[in-house]
Protein backbone atom coordinates (compact mmCIF):
# COMPACT_ATOMS: atom_id res chain seq x y z
CA MET A 1 -30.93 19.16 15.77
CA LYS A 2 -29.41 15.58 15.96
CA GLN A 3 -27.38 13.98 18.45
CA LYS A 4 -25.05 11.48 17.41
CA ILE A 5 -22.99 9.13 19.16
CA LEU A 6 -18.97 8.46 19.15
CA ILE A 7 -18.11 4.80 20.67
CA THR A 8 -13.99 4.55 20.63
CA LYS A 9 -11.62 1.55 21.37
CA PHE A 10 -8.18 0.97 20.85
CA ASN A 11 -4.87 -0.95 23.31
CA TYR A 12 -2.48 1.08 25.37
CA SER A 13 1.42 -0.74 25.81
CA ILE A 14 1.89 0.99 29.24
CA SER A 15 1.50 0.07 32.68
CA HIS A 16 -2.24 0.06 34.35
CA ALA A 17 -1.25 3.28 36.08
CA GLU A 18 0.49 4.84 33.66
CA PHE A 19 -2.33 4.86 31.44
CA LYS A 20 -4.96 6.12 33.53
CA ASN A 21 -2.85 9.38 35.00
CA LEU A 22 -2.84 9.94 31.06
CA LEU A 23 -6.75 10.30 31.09
CA LEU A 24 -6.84 12.56 34.08
CA SER A 25 -4.02 14.33 32.01
CA VAL A 26 -5.85 15.49 28.67
CA SER A 27 -9.32 15.08 30.69
CA GLU A 28 -9.56 19.15 31.18
CA ASP A 29 -9.06 19.53 27.27
CA PHE A 30 -11.88 16.57 26.12
CA ALA A 31 -14.05 18.30 28.29
CA LYS A 32 -13.96 22.03 26.38
CA VAL A 33 -14.22 20.05 22.66
CA PRO A 34 -17.05 22.52 21.56
CA GLY A 35 -20.43 20.93 20.64
CA CYS A 36 -19.85 17.70 23.27
CA GLU A 37 -22.48 17.10 25.80
CA TRP A 38 -20.32 14.62 28.07
CA LYS A 39 -17.33 11.44 28.08
CA ILE A 40 -17.63 8.43 29.10
CA TRP A 41 -14.66 7.36 29.10
CA LEU A 42 -13.44 2.85 29.70
CA ILE A 43 -11.56 0.69 30.63
CA ASP A 44 -10.42 -2.95 30.33
CA GLU A 45 -7.06 -3.27 32.55
CA GLU A 46 -7.40 -7.15 31.33
CA LYS A 47 -7.47 -6.02 28.26
CA SER A 48 -5.13 -3.44 27.53
CA GLU A 49 -7.82 -1.18 26.17
CA GLY A 50 -9.43 2.00 26.77
CA GLY A 51 -12.47 3.66 24.94
CA ALA A 52 -14.75 6.31 25.36
CA VAL A 53 -18.59 7.40 24.57
CA TYR A 54 -19.19 10.63 23.61
CA LEU A 55 -22.67 12.87 23.17
CA PHE A 56 -22.30 15.17 20.37
CA ASN A 57 -25.34 18.03 19.25
CA ASP A 58 -25.07 16.95 16.43
CA ASN A 59 -22.82 15.57 12.67
CA GLU A 60 -20.65 18.89 12.73
CA ALA A 61 -19.36 18.80 15.40
CA LEU A 62 -18.97 15.05 14.87
CA THR A 63 -16.88 16.17 12.48
CA LYS A 64 -15.08 18.63 13.53
CA PHE A 65 -13.66 16.87 17.03
CA LYS A 66 -12.78 14.11 14.75
CA GLU A 67 -10.97 16.23 12.88
CA SER A 68 -8.81 18.58 15.84
CA PRO A 69 -6.02 18.09 16.27
CA LEU A 70 -6.40 16.79 20.23
CA VAL A 71 -8.16 13.67 18.41
CA GLN A 72 -4.37 13.79 15.68
CA SER A 73 -2.55 13.95 19.35
CA VAL A 74 -4.51 10.89 20.26
CA LEU A 75 -3.60 8.60 17.26
CA ALA A 76 0.28 9.60 17.19
CA HIS A 77 0.85 8.71 21.09
CA PRO A 78 3.16 5.68 19.94
CA ALA A 79 1.52 3.96 23.06
CA LEU A 80 -2.10 4.36 21.54
CA SER A 81 -3.18 1.48 19.56
CA ASN A 82 -5.62 -0.64 17.16
CA PHE A 83 -8.41 2.64 17.47
CA ASP A 84 -11.87 1.53 16.32
CA PHE A 85 -14.39 4.56 16.32
CA ARG A 86 -17.73 3.75 15.66
CA GLU A 87 -20.67 6.95 14.84
CA THR A 88 -24.80 6.43 15.74
CA ASP A 89 -27.29 7.89 15.95
CA ILE A 90 -29.66 7.46 19.01
CA ALA A 91 -32.68 5.40 19.35
CA LYS A 92 -35.12 8.80 21.17
CA GLU A 93 -37.89 7.16 22.19
CA PRO A 94 -36.79 3.66 24.27
CA SER A 95 -33.73 5.77 25.58
CA ILE A 96 -35.86 8.46 26.91
CA ILE A 97 -37.92 5.74 29.40
CA THR A 98 -34.66 3.82 29.84
CA LYS A 99 -33.54 7.22 30.98
CA ALA A 100 -30.11 8.11 28.97
CA PRO A 101 -29.47 11.11 29.53
CA ILE A 102 -29.49 12.93 26.11
CA GLY A 103 -31.89 15.84 26.54
CA GLU A 104 -35.43 14.80 25.72
CA THR A 105 -35.96 18.03 23.52
CA MET A 106 -32.39 17.96 22.02
CA ILE A 107 -33.16 14.87 19.93
CA ALA A 108 -34.43 15.69 16.39
């Protein structure tokens, strides 16, 4: 099983407080994504940017996530725009040395 990282970035056009409330309102849905080990939420108030870093068990889980109704609802949200999705593999050995939460035995 080869884990995958997904990095997302986007802009928001609502207040910072409203955006934080929006994140809280959907966080439980994201916690239930099959094949996603964890998600780190990103926010830059000065630039009105949000985003995330995800760890998926494998490419199949990542692909299913990107095609899911949850992702489609985010993409269709009127206050969110300029989406950037980047997928990448993990450099196993240096990540383990630097204590990345990737699970040494999980990476192929």
